[in-house]
Amino acid sequence: MSGRTIPSWRIVVEAEIVKLRKFQEFLRTEDKLVFQDLLNQCKLYAPYASTMVSTIKEVPLLFSMLFGQHKKIIELEKKILMLETLATKTETTVSKRTVQGPVEKADIVQTNRSSC
């Protein structure tokens, strides 16, 4: 029995993406962009996906897509947490100012005159 040459994983990814583009053709314009992003995940993580031992070529591709999407979710969660933290700090600052009372013009004028 002679040995077979195994194609590079990048070649496999490109061939599978060509097959998947048939699905993309029937999507609405905005959905095509989303699908294109999924396909880009396959290319982006191709070196890592190539290390998976699977007789089904689609498994590493799907795993790459899932990984890319999960990574985006984590990034969005971090941004949301940061925004919530900023909002809480802003609310706390506004609350402190409200408790102290508004600054009167007369107070500012007196402060300026006393410093002269």
C-alpha atoms as a PDB file:
ATOM      1  CA  MET A   1       0.000   0.000   0.000  1.00  0.00           C
ATOM      2  CA  SER A   2       1.439   3.367  -0.958  1.00  0.00           C
ATOM      3  CA  GLY A   3       1.085   6.395   1.298  1.00  0.00           C
ATOM      4  CA  ARG A   4      -1.297   9.239   0.600  1.00  0.00           C
ATOM      5  CA  THR A   5      -0.317  12.863   0.758  1.00  0.00           C
ATOM      6  CA  ILE A   6      -2.511  14.746   3.189  1.00  0.00           C
ATOM      7  CA  PRO A   7      -3.390  18.224   1.933  1.00  0.00           C
ATOM      8  CA  SER A   8      -2.461  21.234   4.016  1.00  0.00           C
ATOM      9  CA  TRP A   9      -5.215  22.208   6.449  1.00  0.00           C
ATOM     10  CA  ARG A  10      -5.377  25.690   4.894  1.00  0.00           C
ATOM     11  CA  ILE A  11      -6.189  24.084   1.537  1.00  0.00           C
ATOM     12  CA  VAL A  12      -8.895  21.999   3.204  1.00  0.00           C
ATOM     13  CA  VAL A  13     -10.317  25.120   4.896  1.00  0.00           C
ATOM     14  CA  GLU A  14     -10.406  27.022   1.603  1.00  0.00           C
ATOM     15  CA  ALA A  15     -12.143  24.113  -0.158  1.00  0.00           C
ATOM     16  CA  GLU A  16     -14.756  23.824   2.600  1.00  0.00           C
ATOM     17  CA  ILE A  17     -15.360  27.577   2.579  1.00  0.00           C
ATOM     18  CA  VAL A  18     -16.011  27.416  -1.163  1.00  0.00           C
ATOM     19  CA  LYS A  19     -18.682  24.777  -0.454  1.00  0.00           C
ATOM     20  CA  LEU A  20     -20.197  26.879   2.335  1.00  0.00           C
ATOM     21  CA  ARG A  21     -20.444  29.957   0.099  1.00  0.00           C
ATOM     22  CA  LYS A  22     -23.315  28.249  -1.723  1.00  0.00           C
ATOM     23  CA  PHE A  23     -25.310  28.627   1.494  1.00  0.00           C
ATOM     24  CA  GLN A  24     -24.211  32.262   1.764  1.00  0.00           C
ATOM     25  CA  GLU A  25     -25.564  33.089  -1.703  1.00  0.00           C
ATOM     26  CA  PHE A  26     -29.150  32.662  -0.519  1.00  0.00           C
ATOM     27  CA  LEU A  27     -28.852  34.809   2.605  1.00  0.00           C
ATOM     28  CA  ARG A  28     -30.057  38.392   2.930  1.00  0.00           C
ATOM     29  CA  THR A  29     -27.360  41.053   2.576  1.00  0.00           C
ATOM     30  CA  GLU A  30     -26.995  41.712   6.318  1.00  0.00           C
ATOM     31  CA  ASP A  31     -26.921  37.970   7.017  1.00  0.00           C
ATOM     32  CA  LYS A  32     -24.215  37.477   4.394  1.00  0.00           C
ATOM     33  CA  LEU A  33     -21.954  39.760   6.437  1.00  0.00           C
ATOM     34  CA  VAL A  34     -22.578  37.702   9.570  1.00  0.00           C
ATOM     35  CA  PHE A  35     -21.889  34.486   7.704  1.00  0.00           C
ATOM     36  CA  GLN A  36     -18.724  35.969   6.206  1.00  0.00           C
ATOM     37  CA  ASP A  37     -17.539  36.729   9.740  1.00  0.00           C
ATOM     38  CA  LEU A  38     -18.083  33.066  10.672  1.00  0.00           C
ATOM     39  CA  LEU A  39     -16.083  31.936   7.669  1.00  0.00           C
ATOM     40  CA  ASN A  40     -13.300  34.338   8.634  1.00  0.00           C
ATOM     41  CA  GLN A  41     -13.116  32.582  12.012  1.00  0.00           C
ATOM     42  CA  CYS A  42     -12.263  29.365  10.161  1.00  0.00           C
ATOM     43  CA  LYS A  43      -9.308  31.059   8.490  1.00  0.00           C
ATOM     44  CA  LEU A  44      -8.239  32.909  11.610  1.00  0.00           C
ATOM     45  CA  TYR A  45      -8.029  29.780  13.746  1.00  0.00           C
ATOM     46  CA  ALA A  46      -6.969  27.373  10.986  1.00  0.00           C
ATOM     47  CA  PRO A  47      -3.518  26.709  12.497  1.00  0.00           C
ATOM     48  CA  TYR A  48      -5.110  25.705  15.799  1.00  0.00           C
ATOM     49  CA  ALA A  49      -7.938  23.732  14.213  1.00  0.00           C
ATOM     50  CA  SER A  50      -5.424  21.743  12.194  1.00  0.00           C
ATOM     51  CA  THR A  51      -4.235  20.127  15.424  1.00  0.00           C
ATOM     52  CA  MET A  52      -7.638  18.515  15.986  1.00  0.00           C
ATOM     53  CA  VAL A  53      -7.786  14.903  14.973  1.00  0.00           C
ATOM     54  CA  SER A  54     -11.112  14.452  13.237  1.00  0.00           C
ATOM     55  CA  THR A  55     -12.192  12.377  10.291  1.00  0.00           C
ATOM     56  CA  ILE A  56     -14.973  14.888   9.706  1.00  0.00           C
ATOM     57  CA  LYS A  57     -13.531  18.067   8.186  1.00  0.00           C
ATOM     58  CA  GLU A  58     -16.398  20.231   9.383  1.00  0.00           C
ATOM     59  CA  VAL A  59     -15.727  19.578  13.094  1.00  0.00           C
ATOM     60  CA  PRO A  60     -12.559  21.732  13.303  1.00  0.00           C
ATOM     61  CA  LEU A  61     -14.246  24.395  11.174  1.00  0.00           C
ATOM     62  CA  LEU A  62     -17.282  24.533  13.436  1.00  0.00           C
ATOM     63  CA  PHE A  63     -15.083  24.518  16.508  1.00  0.00           C
ATOM     64  CA  SER A  64     -13.150  27.498  15.080  1.00  0.00           C
ATOM     65  CA  MET A  65     -16.413  29.341  14.515  1.00  0.00           C
ATOM     66  CA  LEU A  66     -17.633  28.585  18.035  1.00  0.00           C
ATOM     67  CA  PHE A  67     -14.320  29.604  19.556  1.00  0.00           C
ATOM     68  CA  GLY A  68     -14.284  32.905  17.659  1.00  0.00           C
ATOM     69  CA  GLN A  69     -17.846  33.702  18.681  1.00  0.00           C
ATOM     70  CA  HIS A  70     -17.229  32.755  22.307  1.00  0.00           C
ATOM     71  CA  LYS A  71     -14.184  35.006  22.361  1.00  0.00           C
ATOM     72  CA  LYS A  72     -16.318  37.908  21.078  1.00  0.00           C
ATOM     73  CA  ILE A  73     -18.938  37.221  23.747  1.00  0.00           C
ATOM     74  CA  ILE A  74     -16.288  37.399  26.478  1.00  0.00           C
ATOM     75  CA  GLU A  75     -14.985  40.704  25.060  1.00  0.00           C
ATOM     76  CA  LEU A  76     -18.525  42.121  25.002  1.00  0.00           C
ATOM     77  CA  GLU A  77     -19.144  40.951  28.581  1.00  0.00           C
ATOM     78  CA  LYS A  78     -15.987  42.792  29.679  1.00  0.00           C
ATOM     79  CA  LYS A  79     -17.138  45.969  27.902  1.00  0.00           C
ATOM     80  CA  ILE A  80     -20.582  45.730  29.480  1.00  0.00           C
ATOM     81  CA  LEU A  81     -19.045  45.268  32.924  1.00  0.00           C
ATOM     82  CA  MET A  82     -16.783  48.267  32.338  1.00  0.00           C
ATOM     83  CA  LEU A  83     -19.752  50.408  31.241  1.00  0.00           C
ATOM     84  CA  GLU A  84     -21.802  49.271  34.238  1.00  0.00           C
ATOM     85  CA  THR A  85     -18.894  50.147  36.534  1.00  0.00           C
ATOM     86  CA  LEU A  86     -18.567  53.588  34.949  1.00  0.00           C
ATOM     87  CA  ALA A  87     -22.323  54.145  35.231  1.00  0.00           C
ATOM     88  CA  THR A  88     -22.251  53.174  38.911  1.00  0.00           C
ATOM     89  CA  LYS A  89     -19.347  55.538  39.582  1.00  0.00           C
ATOM     90  CA  THR A  90     -21.158  58.338  37.754  1.00  0.00           C
ATOM     91  CA  GLU A  91     -24.349  57.715  39.739  1.00  0.00           C
ATOM     92  CA  THR A  92     -22.353  57.753  42.984  1.00  0.00           C
ATOM     93  CA  THR A  93     -20.666  61.045  42.034  1.00  0.00           C
ATOM     94  CA  VAL A  94     -24.000  62.613  41.064  1.00  0.00           C
ATOM     95  CA  SER A  95     -25.570  61.368  44.319  1.00  0.00           C
ATOM     96  CA  LYS A  96     -22.771  62.921  46.399  1.00  0.00           C
ATOM     97  CA  ARG A  97     -23.201  66.260  44.640  1.00  0.00           C
ATOM     98  CA  THR A  98     -26.946  66.143  45.224  1.00  0.00           C
ATOM     99  CA  VAL A  99     -26.470  65.409  48.941  1.00  0.00           C
ATOM    100  CA  GLN A 100     -23.991  68.291  49.287  1.00  0.00           C
ATOM    101  CA  GLY A 101     -26.431  70.596  47.553  1.00  0.00           C
ATOM    102  CA  PRO A 102     -26.022  72.726  44.498  1.00  0.00           C
ATOM    103  CA  VAL A 103     -23.229  75.273  44.419  1.00  0.00           C
ATOM    104  CA  GLU A 104     -24.637  78.796  44.656  1.00  0.00           C
ATOM    105  CA  LYS A 105     -23.312  81.647  42.537  1.00  0.00           C
ATOM    106  CA  ALA A 106     -22.906  83.737  45.652  1.00  0.00           C
ATOM    107  CA  ASP A 107     -20.586  81.091  47.143  1.00  0.00           C
ATOM    108  CA  ILE A 108     -18.401  81.179  44.049  1.00  0.00           C
ATOM    109  CA  VAL A 109     -18.306  85.003  44.012  1.00  0.00           C
ATOM    110  CA  GLN A 110     -17.380  85.150  47.704  1.00  0.00           C
ATOM    111  CA  THR A 111     -14.618  82.575  47.191  1.00  0.00           C
ATOM    112  CA  ASN A 112     -13.183  84.553  44.295  1.00  0.00           C
ATOM    113  CA  ARG A 113     -13.254  87.863  46.235  1.00  0.00           C
ATOM    114  CA  SER A 114     -11.602  86.379  49.318  1.00  0.00           C
ATOM    115  CA  SER A 115      -8.743  85.005  47.245  1.00  0.00           C
ATOM    116  CA  CYS A 116      -7.955  88.433  45.716  1.00  0.00           C
END
